[in-house]
Amino acid sequence: MTTEGDRVIYHSAESKIVKQYQSRTKLLGDASKNCSLMIENLQQNDRGPFYFRIEIEGYNRASYRNNKVSISVMDEPNPTDFFVQEEVKEGENVSASCSVFHSCPTYPPDFHWSHSGEHHLQTQKLQNGQWKATSTLTFHSNRTDHNRPLQCRVTYHGGKHQETSKTLKVKYAPVNVKVEYQSDVNEGETAHLKCSSDANPVSSYEWHSETGALLNKGQTYTILIVSRHSVEAVYCTAVNEEGQVRSSTVKLNVLYAPDIRTSSKCSSDWGVLKCECIVESRPPSMVHFVLGDRLQNSSVETNGSVTTGTLQTDFGSFKFVHCLANNTLGNENLTLSLLVNDNMQKIFIVSGTVVILLIILIATGVGVVNKRKENYEDVHSNDICSNDHVYGNVRVGKAYYISSVCA
């Protein structure tokens, strides 16, 4: 009952309860032993004072007006006590606790954590009708927890709630170590390579060649003049107090204009001209041959940075073959000389009064002079002279034997 006006806030007969408290009050436990009263949906005017009165039919009635109870009604719950070790190493156990005070053990607060893990709830009875509820969360730390708020949300019976959080700091060795760079670089230009990683604390960096030689210290590595002949594969290493991790090995793709090798050459074989033009470039080149003033059909084969063009045609009377090579960075040409060798091999055979002059015409090309030694044993000069009394040509294979008759 209230001390003011002796209004009944709870009675076993609900009709005797004042309207303001109907359906909001409830006697807990067995009335012969436990006469505790619960008031739900507490309001500001529920402060009291209240006292307890007992009425037993056939016995005297008793009121305990001297044992008054008053309630301090707050607009918001007391602040949450939150504890967690905020700085840990990756893989270590993290234990966080969230504690609140409340006044209703029948409906304890509900705890919700923003992180998964093992949960444990503990309730402790205090004085003056107060209880303390503590939720403990345990989990293994991970680098994904770094700079991530760990939040505890408490919801009270009736809908009131409050939130509190702390940001975790997790130390971990470098991960995701990689080299950031522009892979295609023109020869002669400057290349900049940057090493990046995810780590706590922040990493320091070293650069090494593929063989392990130390090239530089620092997050960036600069190659002032890129050359196809000197560029090498490199990797970077990220280091902090928790460990060190290296990146994958990278190598610049050096781009350069065509460079026709001096080993390019032409050769002739029985009146057939064969030329080979070997070009080194990146990206690969287009290769063409010009004979006289005409572009010739040729075959092209590319293997890595080397492109080989091959020309095969009739020798004719040309003295030069031009090899042309070009890509997106430039072009180059090389003239291959075809020196026609008028050096004639003269064979004089004397038989009586007849002399036969056998002239073998040999065409040779620059780069490789290919002289073939043929077998002429099947050709008999005496037979030619005795049967032919005029100038005539005898063809054997692809060589021409020019015979003349003398009296």
Protein backbone atom coordinates (compact mmCIF):
# COMPACT_ATOMS: atom_id res chain seq x y z
CA MET A 1 0.00 0.00 0.00
CA THR A 2 1.07 3.63 -0.37
CA THR A 3 1.56 5.71 2.74
CA GLU A 4 -0.30 8.53 1.03
CA GLY A 5 -4.00 7.73 1.11
CA ASP A 6 -3.36 4.07 1.88
CA ARG A 7 -4.00 3.15 -1.74
CA VAL A 8 -3.66 -0.53 -2.52
CA ILE A 9 -1.08 -1.20 -5.19
CA TYR A 10 -1.34 -4.97 -4.90
CA HIS A 11 -4.03 -7.30 -3.48
CA SER A 12 -4.88 -10.91 -4.13
CA ALA A 13 -8.25 -9.58 -5.18
CA GLU A 14 -7.43 -7.46 -8.26
CA SER A 15 -10.61 -5.40 -7.88
CA LYS A 16 -9.16 -3.80 -4.75
CA ILE A 17 -6.04 -2.57 -6.63
CA VAL A 18 -6.11 1.04 -7.75
CA LYS A 19 -6.37 1.39 -11.50
CA GLN A 20 -2.89 2.91 -11.84
CA TYR A 21 -1.25 -0.36 -10.70
CA GLN A 22 -3.59 -2.97 -12.15
CA SER A 23 -1.72 -5.56 -14.27
CA ARG A 24 1.61 -4.01 -13.24
CA THR A 25 2.14 -5.59 -9.84
CA LYS A 26 2.72 -9.21 -8.94
CA LEU A 27 3.49 -11.12 -5.72
CA LEU A 28 6.54 -13.31 -6.10
CA GLY A 29 7.00 -16.72 -4.53
CA ASP A 30 4.90 -18.33 -1.78
CA ALA A 31 3.03 -15.73 0.27
CA SER A 32 3.67 -17.66 3.49
CA LYS A 33 7.40 -17.31 3.01
CA ASN A 34 8.15 -14.70 0.38
CA CYS A 35 6.05 -11.58 0.03
CA SER A 36 8.33 -9.79 -2.45
CA LEU A 37 6.50 -7.48 -4.84
CA MET A 38 7.39 -6.90 -8.52
CA ILE A 39 6.33 -3.74 -10.31
CA GLU A 40 6.53 -3.85 -14.10
CA ASN A 41 6.81 -0.95 -16.51
CA LEU A 42 8.09 1.36 -13.80
CA GLN A 43 6.99 4.98 -14.06
CA GLN A 44 8.23 8.22 -12.51
CA ASN A 45 5.32 8.43 -10.02
CA ASP A 46 6.06 4.90 -8.73
CA ARG A 47 8.46 6.31 -6.14
CA GLY A 48 6.35 5.38 -3.04
CA PRO A 49 6.79 5.24 -0.12
CA PHE A 50 5.16 1.81 0.09
CA TYR A 51 4.50 -0.45 3.06
CA PHE A 52 3.32 -4.02 3.46
CA ARG A 53 0.01 -5.09 5.11
CA ILE A 54 -1.06 -8.64 5.84
CA GLU A 55 -4.69 -9.69 6.19
CA ILE A 56 -5.54 -13.25 7.24
CA GLU A 57 -9.18 -14.10 7.74
CA GLY A 58 -9.93 -15.00 11.38
CA TYR A 59 -6.69 -13.44 12.60
CA ASN A 60 -5.55 -10.00 13.49
CA ARG A 61 -4.44 -7.75 10.63
CA ALA A 62 -1.01 -6.17 10.65
CA SER A 63 0.49 -3.20 8.81
CA TYR A 64 4.22 -2.55 8.69
CA ARG A 65 4.11 1.20 8.23
CA ASN A 66 7.42 1.66 9.94
CA ASN A 67 9.14 -0.48 7.31
CA LYS A 68 8.59 1.82 4.36
CA VAL A 69 10.21 1.32 0.96
CA SER A 70 10.91 4.09 -1.51
CA ILE A 71 12.13 3.75 -5.13
CA SER A 72 14.57 6.03 -6.94
CA VAL A 73 13.36 6.05 -10.53
CA MET A 74 15.97 6.97 -13.19
CA ASP A 75 15.32 7.99 -16.77
CA GLU A 76 18.22 5.89 -18.12
CA PRO A 77 20.08 2.80 -16.85
CA ASN A 78 23.40 3.15 -15.09
CA PRO A 79 26.45 3.20 -17.40
CA THR A 80 27.84 -0.13 -18.50
CA ASP A 81 31.15 -1.31 -17.07
CA PHE A 82 33.22 -2.51 -20.05
CA PHE A 83 36.67 -4.08 -19.77
CA VAL A 84 38.92 -5.57 -22.46
CA GLN A 85 42.66 -5.71 -23.11
CA GLU A 86 42.74 -3.38 -26.08
CA GLU A 87 46.20 -4.29 -27.45
CA VAL A 88 46.96 -7.96 -28.19
CA LYS A 89 48.98 -10.07 -30.60
CA GLU A 90 47.37 -12.08 -33.35
CA GLY A 91 46.35 -15.51 -32.10
CA GLU A 92 46.20 -14.54 -28.44
CA ASN A 93 43.02 -15.02 -26.37
CA VAL A 94 40.90 -11.94 -25.85
CA SER A 95 38.62 -11.75 -22.80
CA ALA A 96 36.05 -8.97 -22.61
CA SER A 97 33.48 -8.34 -19.87
CA CYS A 98 30.35 -6.21 -19.86
CA SER A 99 28.60 -5.50 -16.51
CA VAL A 100 25.37 -3.67 -15.61
CA PHE A 101 23.30 -3.08 -12.47
CA HIS A 102 19.59 -3.89 -12.46
CA SER A 103 16.68 -4.30 -10.03
CA CYS A 104 14.73 -7.27 -11.41
CA PRO A 105 16.27 -10.78 -11.24
CA THR A 106 13.13 -12.24 -12.82
CA TYR A 107 13.95 -10.45 -16.06
CA PRO A 108 17.74 -10.05 -16.23
CA PRO A 109 19.21 -7.84 -18.98
CA ASP A 110 20.03 -9.39 -22.35
CA PHE A 111 23.61 -9.04 -23.65
CA HIS A 112 24.63 -9.00 -27.31
CA TRP A 113 28.26 -8.89 -28.54
CA SER A 114 29.43 -7.70 -31.97
CA HIS A 115 32.03 -10.51 -32.08
CA SER A 116 31.50 -14.24 -32.07
CA GLY A 117 33.08 -16.34 -29.34
CA GLU A 118 32.34 -18.15 -26.09
CA HIS A 119 29.79 -16.39 -23.87
CA HIS A 120 29.32 -16.70 -20.09
CA LEU A 121 26.68 -14.90 -17.96
CA GLN A 122 27.03 -14.33 -14.20
CA THR A 123 24.48 -12.70 -11.82
CA GLN A 124 25.40 -11.30 -8.40
CA LYS A 125 22.96 -10.09 -5.68
CA LEU A 126 23.86 -6.79 -4.05
CA GLN A 127 22.23 -4.71 -1.31
CA ASN A 128 19.13 -2.49 -1.49
CA GLY A 129 17.37 -4.65 -4.06
CA GLN A 130 20.15 -4.38 -6.65
CA TRP A 131 21.75 -7.10 -8.78
CA LYS A 132 24.79 -7.11 -11.03
CA ALA A 133 24.83 -9.02 -14.30
CA THR A 134 28.13 -9.68 -16.09
CA SER A 135 28.57 -11.14 -19.57
CA THR A 136 32.04 -12.42 -20.50
CA LEU A 137 33.17 -12.99 -24.12
CA THR A 138 36.31 -15.00 -25.03
CA PHE A 139 37.77 -15.38 -28.55
CA HIS A 140 41.06 -15.76 -30.46
CA SER A 141 42.35 -12.50 -31.90
CA ASN A 142 42.85 -12.15 -35.61
CA ARG A 143 44.33 -9.42 -37.79
CA THR A 144 40.81 -8.69 -39.07
CA ASP A 145 40.01 -7.51 -35.53
CA HIS A 146 42.57 -4.69 -35.78
CA ASN A 147 40.94 -1.24 -35.48
CA ARG A 148 37.58 -2.97 -35.24
CA PRO A 149 35.17 -1.81 -32.49
CA LEU A 150 34.16 -4.50 -30.02
CA GLN A 151 30.63 -3.60 -28.97
CA CYS A 152 28.47 -4.72 -26.05
CA ARG A 153 24.74 -3.99 -26.31
CA VAL A 154 22.52 -4.41 -23.22
CA THR A 155 18.73 -4.59 -23.50
CA TYR A 156 16.60 -4.33 -20.37
CA HIS A 157 13.13 -5.74 -19.76
CA GLY A 158 10.74 -3.18 -21.13
CA GLY A 159 12.90 -2.20 -24.12
CA LYS A 160 15.48 0.20 -22.70
CA HIS A 161 18.97 -0.43 -24.10
CA GLN A 162 22.45 0.98 -24.11
CA GLU A 163 25.65 0.33 -26.07
CA THR A 164 29.33 0.67 -25.33
CA SER A 165 32.42 -0.28 -27.34
CA LYS A 166 36.19 -0.23 -27.43
CA THR A 167 38.55 -0.47 -30.42
CA LEU A 168 40.96 -3.40 -30.49
CA LYS A 169 44.59 -3.06 -31.53
CA VAL A 170 46.00 -6.33 -32.85
CA LYS A 171 49.69 -6.73 -33.69
CA TYR A 172 50.44 -9.02 -36.64
CA ALA A 173 53.18 -9.81 -39.12
CA PRO A 174 52.98 -8.37 -42.67
CA VAL A 175 50.45 -9.90 -45.04
CA ASN A 176 49.47 -9.17 -48.65
CA VAL A 177 53.02 -8.09 -49.51
CA LYS A 178 53.14 -7.09 -53.16
CA VAL A 179 55.05 -4.97 -55.66
CA GLU A 180 53.08 -2.21 -57.36
CA TYR A 181 54.60 -1.21 -60.70
CA GLN A 182 53.96 -0.54 -64.37
CA SER A 183 55.06 -3.74 -66.05
CA ASP A 184 55.68 -2.30 -69.56
CA VAL A 185 58.55 0.22 -69.64
CA ASN A 186 60.32 1.66 -72.68
CA GLU A 187 64.03 1.09 -72.78
CA GLY A 188 65.93 4.12 -71.47
CA GLU A 189 63.08 5.37 -69.30
CA THR A 190 62.88 5.45 -65.48
CA ALA A 191 60.91 2.79 -63.61
CA HIS A 192 59.41 3.17 -60.13
CA LEU A 193 58.48 0.13 -58.05
CA LYS A 194 56.57 0.37 -54.76
CA CYS A 195 56.18 -2.26 -52.06
CA SER A 196 52.97 -2.42 -50.03
CA SER A 197 51.72 -4.61 -47.21
CA ASP A 198 49.13 -4.89 -44.47
CA ALA A 199 50.81 -4.99 -41.05
CA ASN A 200 50.68 -3.71 -37.48
CA PRO A 201 52.97 -2.09 -36.59
CA VAL A 202 53.77 -0.59 -39.98
CA SER A 203 56.39 -2.43 -42.04
CA SER A 204 59.82 -1.35 -43.17
CA TYR A 205 60.93 -2.58 -46.61
CA GLU A 206 63.92 -4.09 -48.38
CA TRP A 207 64.47 -4.86 -52.08
CA HIS A 208 66.40 -7.89 -53.31
CA SER A 209 67.40 -9.34 -56.65
CA GLU A 210 66.25 -12.82 -57.58
CA THR A 211 69.57 -14.16 -56.29
CA GLY A 212 68.96 -12.52 -52.89
CA ALA A 213 71.37 -9.58 -53.24
CA LEU A 214 70.22 -6.45 -51.37
CA LEU A 215 69.37 -3.69 -53.86
CA ASN A 216 67.73 -1.00 -51.76
CA LYS A 217 66.00 -0.17 -48.47
CA GLY A 218 62.75 1.76 -48.40
CA GLN A 219 59.24 1.43 -49.73
CA THR A 220 60.19 2.44 -53.29
CA TYR A 221 62.87 1.23 -55.68
CA THR A 222 63.83 3.34 -58.71
CA ILE A 223 65.66 2.17 -61.83
CA LEU A 224 66.92 5.32 -63.56
CA ILE A 225 67.75 3.93 -67.02
CA VAL A 226 65.94 0.74 -67.91
CA SER A 227 67.88 -1.58 -70.18
CA ARG A 228 66.84 -4.89 -71.69
CA HIS A 229 70.34 -6.22 -70.97
CA SER A 230 70.58 -5.28 -67.28
CA VAL A 231 67.03 -5.44 -65.93
CA GLU A 232 66.56 -8.31 -63.49
CA ALA A 233 63.82 -9.95 -61.49
CA VAL A 234 63.31 -8.43 -58.03
CA TYR A 235 61.17 -8.88 -54.93
CA CYS A 236 60.53 -6.85 -51.79
CA THR A 237 60.41 -7.92 -48.14
CA ALA A 238 58.15 -6.32 -45.52
CA VAL A 239 59.51 -6.41 -41.95
CA ASN A 240 58.06 -5.53 -38.53
CA GLU A 241 58.52 -6.77 -34.96
CA GLU A 242 56.05 -9.60 -35.54
CA GLY A 243 57.84 -11.10 -38.56
CA GLN A 244 58.86 -10.63 -42.18
CA VAL A 245 57.25 -11.72 -45.45
CA ARG A 246 58.47 -11.39 -49.05
CA SER A 247 56.49 -10.62 -52.16
CA SER A 248 56.42 -12.65 -55.32
CA THR A 249 59.22 -12.00 -57.84
CA VAL A 250 58.50 -9.50 -60.61
CA LYS A 251 60.37 -8.43 -63.73
CA LEU A 252 59.90 -5.41 -65.95
CA ASN A 253 58.77 -5.98 -69.53
CA VAL A 254 61.26 -3.78 -71.37
CA LEU A 255 59.95 -2.48 -74.70
CA TYR A 256 62.35 -1.46 -77.47
CA ALA A 257 62.52 -0.78 -81.19
CA PRO A 258 63.69 -3.42 -83.68
CA ASP A 259 67.34 -4.44 -83.68
CA ILE A 260 68.34 -6.51 -86.73
CA ARG A 261 71.06 -8.96 -85.82
CA THR A 262 74.26 -8.97 -87.83
CA SER A 263 73.90 -12.72 -88.18
CA SER A 264 71.17 -12.07 -90.77
CA LYS A 265 72.35 -13.38 -94.15
CA CYS A 266 71.56 -14.51 -97.67
CA SER A 267 72.76 -17.60 -99.49
CA SER A 268 72.18 -19.10 -102.92
CA ASP A 269 71.81 -22.68 -103.91
CA TRP A 270 71.53 -23.67 -107.55
CA GLY A 271 69.94 -20.41 -108.61
CA VAL A 272 67.59 -20.20 -105.60
CA LEU A 273 68.08 -17.29 -103.22
CA LYS A 274 67.39 -17.78 -99.51
CA CYS A 275 67.60 -14.90 -97.05
CA GLU A 276 67.11 -14.91 -93.29
CA CYS A 277 66.51 -11.68 -91.34
CA ILE A 278 66.69 -12.05 -87.54
CA VAL A 279 65.13 -9.21 -85.54
CA GLU A 280 65.11 -8.70 -81.78
CA SER A 281 62.38 -6.39 -80.42
CA ARG A 282 59.59 -6.07 -77.93
CA PRO A 283 56.80 -6.06 -78.88
CA PRO A 284 57.57 -8.41 -81.80
CA SER A 285 58.26 -6.79 -85.17
CA MET A 286 56.77 -7.14 -88.60
CA VAL A 287 59.50 -8.23 -91.04
CA HIS A 288 59.47 -7.66 -94.82
CA PHE A 289 61.90 -8.13 -97.71
CA VAL A 290 62.30 -5.84 -100.71
CA LEU A 291 64.02 -7.21 -103.82
CA GLY A 292 64.55 -4.57 -106.47
CA ASP A 293 61.55 -2.30 -106.00
CA ARG A 294 59.07 -4.99 -105.04
CA LEU A 295 57.89 -6.31 -101.70
CA GLN A 296 58.48 -10.06 -101.55
CA ASN A 297 56.31 -12.75 -100.01
CA SER A 298 58.07 -14.20 -97.00
CA SER A 299 57.42 -16.31 -93.93
CA VAL A 300 57.73 -14.96 -90.37
CA GLU A 301 58.23 -16.87 -87.13
CA THR A 302 58.26 -15.31 -83.65
CA ASN A 303 59.86 -16.88 -80.58
CA GLY A 304 59.75 -14.60 -77.53
CA SER A 305 61.49 -11.34 -78.44
CA VAL A 306 63.07 -12.76 -81.61
CA THR A 307 61.30 -12.61 -84.96
CA THR A 308 62.82 -14.39 -87.95
CA GLY A 309 61.77 -13.55 -91.50
CA THR A 310 62.67 -15.96 -94.29
CA LEU A 311 62.70 -15.20 -98.02
CA GLN A 312 63.12 -17.84 -100.72
CA THR A 313 62.96 -16.85 -104.39
CA ASP A 314 64.73 -17.13 -107.77
CA PHE A 315 68.13 -15.49 -107.77
CA GLY A 316 67.65 -13.30 -110.83
CA SER A 317 70.09 -10.47 -111.49
CA PHE A 318 69.65 -8.56 -108.23
CA LYS A 319 72.57 -7.41 -106.15
CA PHE A 320 70.79 -6.38 -102.95
CA VAL A 321 68.00 -7.54 -100.63
CA HIS A 322 66.54 -5.09 -98.13
CA CYS A 323 65.25 -6.37 -94.80
CA LEU A 324 62.69 -4.05 -93.15
CA ALA A 325 61.53 -4.41 -89.51
CA ASN A 326 59.11 -2.24 -87.53
CA ASN A 327 57.03 -2.24 -84.35
CA THR A 328 55.16 0.42 -82.37
CA LEU A 329 58.43 1.90 -81.06
CA GLY A 330 60.33 2.33 -84.32
CA ASN A 331 61.80 0.66 -87.37
CA GLU A 332 65.13 -0.50 -88.78
CA ASN A 333 66.38 -1.77 -92.12
CA LEU A 334 69.43 -3.68 -93.25
CA THR A 335 70.73 -4.18 -96.77
CA LEU A 336 72.09 -7.63 -97.56
CA SER A 337 74.50 -7.65 -100.52
CA LEU A 338 74.29 -10.34 -103.17
CA LEU A 339 77.72 -10.40 -104.77
CA VAL A 340 77.51 -12.29 -108.08
CA ASN A 341 80.82 -14.01 -108.45
CA ASP A 342 81.96 -13.97 -112.10
CA ASN A 343 84.90 -16.11 -111.15
CA MET A 344 84.56 -18.88 -113.68
CA GLN A 345 86.07 -22.24 -113.30
CA LYS A 346 87.74 -23.01 -116.60
CA ILE A 347 88.45 -26.54 -117.64
CA PHE A 348 90.56 -27.07 -120.70
CA ILE A 349 90.57 -30.51 -122.27
CA VAL A 350 92.91 -31.09 -125.23
CA SER A 351 92.04 -33.99 -127.55
CA GLY A 352 93.70 -33.84 -130.85
CA THR A 353 92.79 -30.56 -132.49
CA VAL A 354 89.61 -30.01 -130.43
CA VAL A 355 89.55 -27.88 -127.31
CA ILE A 356 86.34 -27.74 -125.22
CA LEU A 357 85.89 -24.88 -122.81
CA LEU A 358 83.48 -25.78 -119.97
CA ILE A 359 82.30 -22.82 -117.98
CA ILE A 360 80.39 -23.28 -114.75
CA LEU A 361 78.52 -20.21 -113.57
CA ILE A 362 78.34 -20.00 -109.81
CA ALA A 363 76.22 -17.37 -107.95
CA THR A 364 77.07 -16.78 -104.35
CA GLY A 365 75.46 -14.54 -101.66
CA VAL A 366 76.83 -12.35 -98.91
CA GLY A 367 77.27 -13.75 -95.38
CA VAL A 368 77.95 -17.30 -96.51
CA VAL A 369 79.65 -18.20 -99.77
CA ASN A 370 78.35 -21.64 -100.59
CA LYS A 371 80.47 -23.38 -103.19
CA ARG A 372 79.21 -26.81 -104.08
CA LYS A 373 81.62 -29.36 -105.54
CA GLU A 374 79.70 -31.33 -108.20
CA ASN A 375 80.53 -34.67 -109.84
CA TYR A 376 81.07 -34.18 -113.54
CA GLU A 377 82.33 -37.70 -114.38
CA ASP A 378 79.22 -38.50 -116.44
CA VAL A 379 79.95 -35.74 -118.95
CA HIS A 380 82.42 -36.76 -121.70
CA SER A 381 83.89 -34.00 -123.80
CA ASN A 382 85.03 -36.35 -126.58
CA ASP A 383 81.44 -37.52 -127.15
CA ILE A 384 80.17 -33.93 -127.36
CA CYS A 385 82.82 -32.92 -129.86
CA SER A 386 82.40 -35.90 -132.11
CA ASN A 387 78.60 -35.66 -132.27
CA ASP A 388 77.96 -31.88 -132.22
CA HIS A 389 79.57 -29.53 -134.79
CA VAL A 390 77.55 -26.45 -133.63
CA TYR A 391 77.27 -24.47 -130.43
CA GLY A 392 74.92 -26.15 -128.00
CA ASN A 393 73.89 -26.31 -124.31
CA VAL A 394 73.74 -29.41 -122.17
CA ARG A 395 71.77 -29.10 -118.87
CA VAL A 396 72.52 -31.40 -115.99
CA GLY A 397 70.37 -30.75 -112.86
CA LYS A 398 70.37 -26.97 -112.29
CA ALA A 399 73.89 -26.26 -113.68
CA TYR A 400 74.40 -25.21 -117.27
CA TYR A 401 77.40 -26.51 -119.20
CA ILE A 402 78.20 -24.34 -122.24
CA SER A 403 80.22 -26.22 -124.88
CA SER A 404 81.97 -24.89 -127.99
CA VAL A 405 83.60 -26.78 -130.81
CA CYS A 406 86.99 -25.79 -132.25
CA ALA A 407 88.50 -27.19 -135.45
